[in-house]
Amino acid sequence: MSAPFIWVVIPSVLAIVLYLLRRWRLAVYIAGLLIMLTLTALAWLLPIGEAISLGIPGLSAYKLADSMNIFGQSFVLGDSTRPVLALIYLSIVLWFGGAYMAKTGQLFIPLGIGIAALLTASLAIQPPVFSALLIELAALACVPILAPPGKTMPRGVLR
């Protein structure tokens, strides 16, 4: 397993799953908050590129790879990016913590997780010239969040 798989692919898949389950609002909020808390704890505690002792007798240490290739692009998250990952995911935990009280729309949690995955991918992609494309996708994913809950997309938001 690699670090980009944990902080890019898994949140992307979970965002799609939560999008499909968006009818159950409270369950999606709780699941989104727990997913982000778990990813924050992993970013804070899990060393990248170093041997990790699993603590189980008879099993050898495990090494979390720092790179992954997707469609010819290399995604690299080294150990030096762990504090940034923890900050990204912790800030989203704080957003999600207040999202239920603010009565945000049903798309807020799934799109928030997807945006976090896109921003992490833009941080990890090599060569960095492609990060602008991923940041643009994250900005486009923000458009449905700007619409008031339960209403159609206003013209000002689309502009």
N, C-alpha and C. Protein backbone atom coordinates (compact mmCIF):
# COMPACT_ATOMS: atom_id res chain seq x y z
N MET A 1 0.84 -1.17 0.00
CA MET A 1 0.00 0.00 0.00
C MET A 1 0.90 1.24 0.00
N SER A 2 0.40 2.31 -0.58
CA SER A 2 1.19 3.53 -0.66
C SER A 2 0.44 4.68 -0.01
N ALA A 3 1.18 5.72 0.32
CA ALA A 3 0.59 6.89 0.96
C ALA A 3 -0.42 7.60 0.06
N PRO A 4 -0.15 7.80 -1.25
CA PRO A 4 -1.18 8.42 -2.08
C PRO A 4 -2.46 7.58 -2.18
N PHE A 5 -2.34 6.28 -2.07
CA PHE A 5 -3.54 5.44 -2.08
C PHE A 5 -4.40 5.73 -0.86
N ILE A 6 -3.75 5.88 0.31
CA ILE A 6 -4.49 6.12 1.55
C ILE A 6 -5.14 7.49 1.54
N TRP A 7 -4.43 8.54 1.09
CA TRP A 7 -4.95 9.90 1.23
C TRP A 7 -5.53 10.49 -0.05
N VAL A 8 -5.54 9.74 -1.16
CA VAL A 8 -6.16 10.24 -2.39
C VAL A 8 -7.24 9.27 -2.89
N VAL A 9 -6.90 8.02 -3.06
CA VAL A 9 -7.83 7.06 -3.66
C VAL A 9 -8.94 6.67 -2.68
N ILE A 10 -8.58 6.34 -1.46
CA ILE A 10 -9.59 5.93 -0.48
C ILE A 10 -10.60 7.04 -0.20
N PRO A 11 -10.18 8.31 0.04
CA PRO A 11 -11.19 9.35 0.23
C PRO A 11 -12.06 9.59 -1.02
N SER A 12 -11.48 9.42 -2.20
CA SER A 12 -12.28 9.58 -3.42
C SER A 12 -13.38 8.53 -3.51
N VAL A 13 -13.03 7.29 -3.21
CA VAL A 13 -14.03 6.21 -3.25
C VAL A 13 -15.08 6.42 -2.16
N LEU A 14 -14.65 6.82 -0.97
CA LEU A 14 -15.59 7.04 0.11
C LEU A 14 -16.49 8.24 -0.17
N ALA A 15 -16.00 9.24 -0.87
CA ALA A 15 -16.84 10.38 -1.26
C ALA A 15 -17.95 9.93 -2.20
N ILE A 16 -17.63 9.04 -3.12
CA ILE A 16 -18.64 8.52 -4.05
C ILE A 16 -19.67 7.69 -3.29
N VAL A 17 -19.20 6.88 -2.35
CA VAL A 17 -20.13 6.06 -1.55
C VAL A 17 -21.05 6.96 -0.72
N LEU A 18 -20.51 7.99 -0.08
CA LEU A 18 -21.34 8.89 0.71
C LEU A 18 -22.28 9.71 -0.17
N TYR A 19 -21.88 9.99 -1.39
CA TYR A 19 -22.77 10.67 -2.32
C TYR A 19 -23.99 9.79 -2.63
N LEU A 20 -23.76 8.51 -2.79
CA LEU A 20 -24.86 7.59 -3.07
C LEU A 20 -25.77 7.40 -1.86
N LEU A 21 -25.23 7.59 -0.66
CA LEU A 21 -26.01 7.42 0.58
C LEU A 21 -26.48 8.75 1.16
N ARG A 22 -26.49 9.81 0.39
CA ARG A 22 -26.77 11.15 0.91
C ARG A 22 -28.19 11.32 1.45
N ARG A 23 -29.07 10.38 1.19
CA ARG A 23 -30.44 10.46 1.70
C ARG A 23 -30.45 10.41 3.22
N TRP A 24 -29.54 9.63 3.81
CA TRP A 24 -29.46 9.51 5.25
C TRP A 24 -28.48 10.55 5.77
N ARG A 25 -28.99 11.72 6.02
CA ARG A 25 -28.18 12.90 6.30
C ARG A 25 -27.30 12.73 7.54
N LEU A 26 -27.87 12.33 8.67
CA LEU A 26 -27.10 12.20 9.90
C LEU A 26 -26.01 11.13 9.78
N ALA A 27 -26.35 10.02 9.15
CA ALA A 27 -25.36 8.95 8.97
C ALA A 27 -24.20 9.41 8.09
N VAL A 28 -24.50 10.20 7.07
CA VAL A 28 -23.45 10.72 6.19
C VAL A 28 -22.56 11.70 6.94
N TYR A 29 -23.16 12.56 7.79
CA TYR A 29 -22.35 13.50 8.57
C TYR A 29 -21.43 12.76 9.53
N ILE A 30 -21.97 11.78 10.24
CA ILE A 30 -21.15 11.04 11.20
C ILE A 30 -20.06 10.25 10.48
N ALA A 31 -20.41 9.59 9.38
CA ALA A 31 -19.42 8.82 8.62
C ALA A 31 -18.34 9.73 8.06
N GLY A 32 -18.73 10.88 7.51
CA GLY A 32 -17.75 11.82 6.98
C GLY A 32 -16.81 12.34 8.05
N LEU A 33 -17.36 12.65 9.21
CA LEU A 33 -16.53 13.13 10.31
C LEU A 33 -15.57 12.05 10.79
N LEU A 34 -16.04 10.81 10.89
CA LEU A 34 -15.16 9.72 11.32
C LEU A 34 -14.09 9.40 10.28
N ILE A 35 -14.45 9.48 9.00
CA ILE A 35 -13.47 9.24 7.94
C ILE A 35 -12.36 10.27 8.00
N MET A 36 -12.73 11.53 8.15
CA MET A 36 -11.72 12.59 8.20
C MET A 36 -10.88 12.52 9.47
N LEU A 37 -11.50 12.16 10.60
CA LEU A 37 -10.72 11.98 11.83
C LEU A 37 -9.72 10.84 11.69
N THR A 38 -10.13 9.75 11.05
CA THR A 38 -9.24 8.62 10.84
C THR A 38 -8.08 9.00 9.93
N LEU A 39 -8.38 9.72 8.84
CA LEU A 39 -7.31 10.13 7.93
C LEU A 39 -6.37 11.14 8.59
N THR A 40 -6.91 12.00 9.46
CA THR A 40 -6.06 12.94 10.20
C THR A 40 -5.13 12.19 11.15
N ALA A 41 -5.67 11.22 11.87
CA ALA A 41 -4.84 10.44 12.80
C ALA A 41 -3.78 9.64 12.05
N LEU A 42 -4.14 9.08 10.90
CA LEU A 42 -3.15 8.35 10.11
C LEU A 42 -2.05 9.28 9.60
N ALA A 43 -2.42 10.49 9.18
CA ALA A 43 -1.42 11.44 8.71
C ALA A 43 -0.50 11.87 9.84
N TRP A 44 -1.02 11.95 11.03
CA TRP A 44 -0.21 12.39 12.16
C TRP A 44 0.69 11.28 12.69
N LEU A 45 0.20 10.04 12.69
CA LEU A 45 0.91 8.96 13.37
C LEU A 45 1.68 8.01 12.46
N LEU A 46 1.29 7.87 11.21
CA LEU A 46 1.85 6.85 10.33
C LEU A 46 3.05 7.38 9.56
N PRO A 47 4.26 6.90 9.84
CA PRO A 47 5.43 7.38 9.09
C PRO A 47 5.43 6.81 7.67
N ILE A 48 5.79 7.66 6.72
CA ILE A 48 5.82 7.28 5.31
C ILE A 48 7.26 6.94 4.92
N GLY A 49 7.45 5.79 4.31
CA GLY A 49 8.77 5.38 3.85
C GLY A 49 9.64 4.77 4.91
N GLU A 50 9.11 4.56 6.11
CA GLU A 50 9.86 3.94 7.19
C GLU A 50 9.19 2.64 7.59
N ALA A 51 9.95 1.74 8.19
CA ALA A 51 9.40 0.47 8.64
C ALA A 51 8.51 0.69 9.85
N ILE A 52 7.33 0.07 9.81
CA ILE A 52 6.37 0.19 10.90
C ILE A 52 6.22 -1.18 11.54
N SER A 53 6.45 -1.27 12.82
CA SER A 53 6.24 -2.52 13.53
C SER A 53 4.76 -2.65 13.84
N LEU A 54 4.18 -3.77 13.45
CA LEU A 54 2.75 -3.98 13.65
C LEU A 54 2.42 -4.41 15.07
N GLY A 55 3.39 -4.78 15.85
CA GLY A 55 3.17 -5.16 17.23
C GLY A 55 2.64 -6.58 17.41
N ILE A 56 2.54 -7.33 16.35
CA ILE A 56 2.06 -8.70 16.43
C ILE A 56 3.27 -9.62 16.32
N PRO A 57 3.48 -10.48 17.30
CA PRO A 57 4.64 -11.38 17.24
C PRO A 57 4.58 -12.29 16.01
N GLY A 58 5.70 -12.44 15.37
CA GLY A 58 5.80 -13.30 14.21
C GLY A 58 5.60 -12.59 12.88
N LEU A 59 5.11 -11.37 12.89
CA LEU A 59 4.93 -10.60 11.67
C LEU A 59 6.06 -9.59 11.54
N SER A 60 6.53 -9.44 10.33
CA SER A 60 7.61 -8.49 10.11
C SER A 60 7.06 -7.07 10.02
N ALA A 61 7.96 -6.14 9.94
CA ALA A 61 7.57 -4.73 9.85
C ALA A 61 7.01 -4.44 8.46
N TYR A 62 6.20 -3.41 8.38
CA TYR A 62 5.55 -3.01 7.14
C TYR A 62 6.07 -1.63 6.74
N LYS A 63 6.31 -1.44 5.45
CA LYS A 63 6.80 -0.16 4.96
C LYS A 63 5.75 0.46 4.04
N LEU A 64 5.34 1.67 4.36
CA LEU A 64 4.36 2.40 3.56
C LEU A 64 5.11 3.12 2.45
N ALA A 65 4.80 2.76 1.20
CA ALA A 65 5.48 3.36 0.04
C ALA A 65 5.08 4.83 -0.09
N ASP A 66 5.98 5.63 -0.64
CA ASP A 66 5.70 7.05 -0.75
C ASP A 66 5.24 7.48 -2.14
N SER A 67 5.16 6.57 -3.10
CA SER A 67 4.75 6.97 -4.45
C SER A 67 3.81 5.93 -5.06
N MET A 68 3.06 6.42 -6.05
CA MET A 68 2.11 5.59 -6.76
C MET A 68 1.94 6.17 -8.16
N ASN A 69 1.83 5.32 -9.17
CA ASN A 69 1.64 5.77 -10.54
C ASN A 69 0.22 5.51 -10.98
N ILE A 70 -0.42 6.56 -11.54
CA ILE A 70 -1.76 6.45 -12.10
C ILE A 70 -1.75 7.13 -13.45
N PHE A 71 -2.08 6.39 -14.49
CA PHE A 71 -2.14 6.91 -15.86
C PHE A 71 -0.85 7.62 -16.26
N GLY A 72 0.28 7.09 -15.86
CA GLY A 72 1.56 7.65 -16.23
C GLY A 72 2.02 8.83 -15.39
N GLN A 73 1.19 9.26 -14.44
CA GLN A 73 1.58 10.35 -13.55
C GLN A 73 1.99 9.76 -12.21
N SER A 74 3.03 10.32 -11.65
CA SER A 74 3.52 9.84 -10.37
C SER A 74 2.98 10.73 -9.25
N PHE A 75 2.43 10.11 -8.23
CA PHE A 75 1.96 10.81 -7.04
C PHE A 75 2.90 10.44 -5.91
N VAL A 76 3.53 11.45 -5.32
CA VAL A 76 4.54 11.22 -4.29
C VAL A 76 4.16 12.01 -3.04
N LEU A 77 3.99 11.29 -1.94
CA LEU A 77 3.76 11.91 -0.63
C LEU A 77 4.85 11.41 0.30
N GLY A 78 5.82 12.24 0.56
CA GLY A 78 6.92 11.85 1.44
C GLY A 78 6.59 12.10 2.90
N ASP A 79 7.52 11.72 3.74
CA ASP A 79 7.32 11.90 5.18
C ASP A 79 7.27 13.38 5.55
N SER A 80 7.89 14.23 4.74
CA SER A 80 7.88 15.66 5.05
C SER A 80 6.53 16.30 4.78
N THR A 81 5.64 15.64 4.05
CA THR A 81 4.31 16.21 3.79
C THR A 81 3.26 15.76 4.81
N ARG A 82 3.65 14.95 5.76
CA ARG A 82 2.70 14.49 6.78
C ARG A 82 2.07 15.63 7.56
N PRO A 83 2.80 16.64 8.02
CA PRO A 83 2.14 17.74 8.74
C PRO A 83 1.13 18.50 7.88
N VAL A 84 1.42 18.64 6.60
CA VAL A 84 0.48 19.33 5.70
C VAL A 84 -0.78 18.48 5.52
N LEU A 85 -0.61 17.18 5.37
CA LEU A 85 -1.76 16.28 5.27
C LEU A 85 -2.61 16.35 6.52
N ALA A 86 -1.96 16.32 7.67
CA ALA A 86 -2.71 16.40 8.93
C ALA A 86 -3.45 17.72 9.03
N LEU A 87 -2.85 18.80 8.58
CA LEU A 87 -3.50 20.11 8.62
C LEU A 87 -4.69 20.18 7.66
N ILE A 88 -4.55 19.63 6.47
CA ILE A 88 -5.65 19.62 5.50
C ILE A 88 -6.83 18.84 6.06
N TYR A 89 -6.58 17.64 6.53
CA TYR A 89 -7.67 16.81 7.00
C TYR A 89 -8.23 17.27 8.34
N LEU A 90 -7.41 17.87 9.19
CA LEU A 90 -7.92 18.42 10.45
C LEU A 90 -8.81 19.64 10.20
N SER A 91 -8.44 20.47 9.24
CA SER A 91 -9.29 21.62 8.92
C SER A 91 -10.64 21.16 8.37
N ILE A 92 -10.66 20.08 7.63
CA ILE A 92 -11.92 19.56 7.11
C ILE A 92 -12.73 18.93 8.23
N VAL A 93 -12.07 18.32 9.22
CA VAL A 93 -12.79 17.82 10.40
C VAL A 93 -13.51 18.97 11.10
N LEU A 94 -12.84 20.10 11.23
CA LEU A 94 -13.47 21.26 11.88
C LEU A 94 -14.65 21.78 11.06
N TRP A 95 -14.52 21.80 9.74
CA TRP A 95 -15.63 22.20 8.87
C TRP A 95 -16.81 21.26 9.05
N PHE A 96 -16.52 19.96 9.02
CA PHE A 96 -17.58 18.97 9.13
C PHE A 96 -18.21 18.98 10.52
N GLY A 97 -17.44 19.37 11.53
CA GLY A 97 -17.99 19.44 12.88
C GLY A 97 -19.11 20.45 13.00
N GLY A 98 -18.98 21.56 12.31
CA GLY A 98 -20.02 22.58 12.35
C GLY A 98 -21.04 22.47 11.24
N ALA A 99 -20.86 21.55 10.34
CA ALA A 99 -21.74 21.44 9.17
C ALA A 99 -23.15 20.99 9.56
N TYR A 100 -23.27 20.12 10.53
CA TYR A 100 -24.60 19.64 10.90
C TYR A 100 -25.40 20.75 11.57
N MET A 101 -24.75 21.51 12.44
CA MET A 101 -25.45 22.61 13.11
C MET A 101 -25.81 23.73 12.15
N ALA A 102 -25.00 23.91 11.13
CA ALA A 102 -25.27 24.96 10.14
C ALA A 102 -26.31 24.53 9.12
N LYS A 103 -26.75 23.28 9.19
CA LYS A 103 -27.75 22.73 8.28
C LYS A 103 -27.34 22.91 6.81
N THR A 104 -26.16 22.42 6.51
CA THR A 104 -25.67 22.49 5.14
C THR A 104 -26.42 21.50 4.26
N GLY A 105 -26.21 21.60 2.98
CA GLY A 105 -26.89 20.72 2.04
C GLY A 105 -26.40 19.29 2.10
N GLN A 106 -27.09 18.42 1.39
CA GLN A 106 -26.76 17.00 1.40
C GLN A 106 -25.45 16.70 0.69
N LEU A 107 -25.01 17.59 -0.16
CA LEU A 107 -23.77 17.35 -0.92
C LEU A 107 -22.52 17.86 -0.21
N PHE A 108 -22.68 18.53 0.92
CA PHE A 108 -21.54 19.16 1.57
C PHE A 108 -20.47 18.15 1.99
N ILE A 109 -20.87 17.09 2.65
CA ILE A 109 -19.90 16.11 3.15
C ILE A 109 -19.24 15.34 2.01
N PRO A 110 -20.00 14.76 1.07
CA PRO A 110 -19.31 14.03 -0.01
C PRO A 110 -18.41 14.92 -0.86
N LEU A 111 -18.88 16.13 -1.17
CA LEU A 111 -18.04 17.03 -1.96
C LEU A 111 -16.84 17.52 -1.17
N GLY A 112 -17.00 17.72 0.14
CA GLY A 112 -15.86 18.12 0.98
C GLY A 112 -14.77 17.07 1.01
N ILE A 113 -15.17 15.81 1.10
CA ILE A 113 -14.18 14.72 1.08
C ILE A 113 -13.52 14.64 -0.29
N GLY A 114 -14.30 14.79 -1.34
CA GLY A 114 -13.74 14.78 -2.70
C GLY A 114 -12.77 15.93 -2.93
N ILE A 115 -13.10 17.11 -2.40
CA ILE A 115 -12.22 18.27 -2.54
C ILE A 115 -10.92 18.04 -1.78
N ALA A 116 -11.01 17.44 -0.60
CA ALA A 116 -9.79 17.12 0.16
C ALA A 116 -8.91 16.15 -0.60
N ALA A 117 -9.52 15.16 -1.24
CA ALA A 117 -8.75 14.21 -2.03
C ALA A 117 -8.09 14.89 -3.23
N LEU A 118 -8.82 15.80 -3.89
CA LEU A 118 -8.24 16.52 -5.03
C LEU A 118 -7.10 17.43 -4.61
N LEU A 119 -7.25 18.12 -3.47
CA LEU A 119 -6.17 18.99 -3.01
C LEU A 119 -4.95 18.19 -2.58
N THR A 120 -5.17 17.02 -1.99
CA THR A 120 -4.05 16.15 -1.64
C THR A 120 -3.36 15.64 -2.90
N ALA A 121 -4.15 15.29 -3.91
CA ALA A 121 -3.57 14.84 -5.18
C ALA A 121 -2.78 15.96 -5.84
N SER A 122 -3.26 17.19 -5.75
CA SER A 122 -2.52 18.31 -6.35
C SER A 122 -1.22 18.57 -5.60
N LEU A 123 -1.19 18.24 -4.34
CA LEU A 123 0.04 18.36 -3.56
C LEU A 123 1.04 17.28 -3.92
N ALA A 124 0.53 16.11 -4.33
CA ALA A 124 1.39 14.95 -4.54
C ALA A 124 1.82 14.72 -5.98
N ILE A 125 1.15 15.30 -6.96
CA ILE A 125 1.41 14.95 -8.36
C ILE A 125 2.77 15.45 -8.82
N GLN A 126 3.43 14.63 -9.62
CA GLN A 126 4.72 14.97 -10.22
C GLN A 126 4.60 14.77 -11.72
N PRO A 127 4.92 15.65 -12.57
CA PRO A 127 5.43 17.00 -12.36
C PRO A 127 4.33 17.93 -11.86
N PRO A 128 4.71 18.95 -11.10
CA PRO A 128 3.73 19.82 -10.44
C PRO A 128 2.91 20.69 -11.40
N VAL A 129 3.23 20.70 -12.67
CA VAL A 129 2.47 21.52 -13.61
C VAL A 129 1.03 21.02 -13.71
N PHE A 130 0.78 19.75 -13.43
CA PHE A 130 -0.56 19.18 -13.50
C PHE A 130 -1.39 19.48 -12.26
N SER A 131 -0.79 20.05 -11.24
CA SER A 131 -1.56 20.36 -10.03
C SER A 131 -2.58 21.46 -10.29
N ALA A 132 -2.33 22.33 -11.25
CA ALA A 132 -3.30 23.38 -11.57
C ALA A 132 -4.62 22.79 -12.07
N LEU A 133 -4.53 21.71 -12.82
CA LEU A 133 -5.73 21.04 -13.32
C LEU A 133 -6.54 20.45 -12.16
N LEU A 134 -5.87 19.85 -11.19
CA LEU A 134 -6.56 19.26 -10.05
C LEU A 134 -7.16 20.33 -9.15
N ILE A 135 -6.49 21.47 -9.01
CA ILE A 135 -7.04 22.57 -8.22
C ILE A 135 -8.27 23.15 -8.91
N GLU A 136 -8.26 23.20 -10.23
CA GLU A 136 -9.43 23.65 -10.99
C GLU A 136 -10.61 22.70 -10.80
N LEU A 137 -10.35 21.40 -10.78
CA LEU A 137 -11.41 20.44 -10.51
C LEU A 137 -11.98 20.61 -9.10
N ALA A 138 -11.12 20.91 -8.14
CA ALA A 138 -11.59 21.16 -6.78
C ALA A 138 -12.45 22.42 -6.73
N ALA A 139 -12.07 23.45 -7.48
CA ALA A 139 -12.87 24.68 -7.53
C ALA A 139 -14.23 24.42 -8.18
N LEU A 140 -14.26 23.59 -9.20
CA LEU A 140 -15.54 23.24 -9.83
C LEU A 140 -16.42 22.42 -8.89
N ALA A 141 -15.81 21.61 -8.05
CA ALA A 141 -16.58 20.82 -7.09
C ALA A 141 -17.17 21.71 -6.00
N CYS A 142 -16.63 22.90 -5.81
CA CYS A 142 -17.16 23.83 -4.80
C CYS A 142 -18.45 24.51 -5.25
N VAL A 143 -18.75 24.52 -6.53
CA VAL A 143 -19.92 25.25 -7.04
C VAL A 143 -21.22 24.73 -6.43
N PRO A 144 -21.49 23.41 -6.38
CA PRO A 144 -22.75 22.97 -5.75
C PRO A 144 -22.83 23.28 -4.26
N ILE A 145 -21.69 23.43 -3.60
CA ILE A 145 -21.70 23.76 -2.17
C ILE A 145 -22.21 25.18 -1.95
N LEU A 146 -22.00 26.07 -2.92
CA LEU A 146 -22.39 27.47 -2.78
C LEU A 146 -23.90 27.69 -2.92
N ALA A 147 -24.61 26.74 -3.48
CA ALA A 147 -26.06 26.88 -3.64
C ALA A 147 -26.75 26.67 -2.29
N PRO A 148 -27.80 27.43 -2.02
CA PRO A 148 -28.54 27.23 -0.76
C PRO A 148 -29.16 25.83 -0.72
N PRO A 149 -29.20 25.21 0.48
CA PRO A 149 -29.75 23.86 0.58
C PRO A 149 -31.21 23.81 0.16
N GLY A 150 -31.55 22.82 -0.63
CA GLY A 150 -32.93 22.61 -1.03
C GLY A 150 -33.43 23.48 -2.17
N LYS A 151 -32.57 24.29 -2.74
CA LYS A 151 -32.99 25.16 -3.84
C LYS A 151 -32.18 24.83 -5.09
N THR A 152 -32.69 25.27 -6.21
CA THR A 152 -31.96 25.06 -7.45
C THR A 152 -30.76 25.99 -7.50
N MET A 153 -29.87 25.72 -8.42
CA MET A 153 -28.64 26.49 -8.54
C MET A 153 -28.96 27.92 -9.02
N PRO A 154 -28.67 28.95 -8.21
CA PRO A 154 -28.92 30.32 -8.65
C PRO A 154 -27.98 30.71 -9.80
N ARG A 155 -28.42 31.68 -10.57
CA ARG A 155 -27.61 32.10 -11.72
C ARG A 155 -26.28 32.72 -11.29
N GLY A 156 -26.28 33.40 -10.15
CA GLY A 156 -25.06 34.02 -9.68
C GLY A 156 -23.99 33.00 -9.33
N VAL A 157 -24.39 31.88 -8.79
CA VAL A 157 -23.45 30.81 -8.44
C VAL A 157 -22.86 30.23 -9.72
N LEU A 158 -23.69 30.04 -10.73
CA LEU A 158 -23.20 29.46 -11.98
C LEU A 158 -22.27 30.41 -12.72
N ARG A 159 -22.45 31.68 -12.54
CA ARG A 159 -21.56 32.65 -13.19
C ARG A 159 -20.22 32.63 -12.52
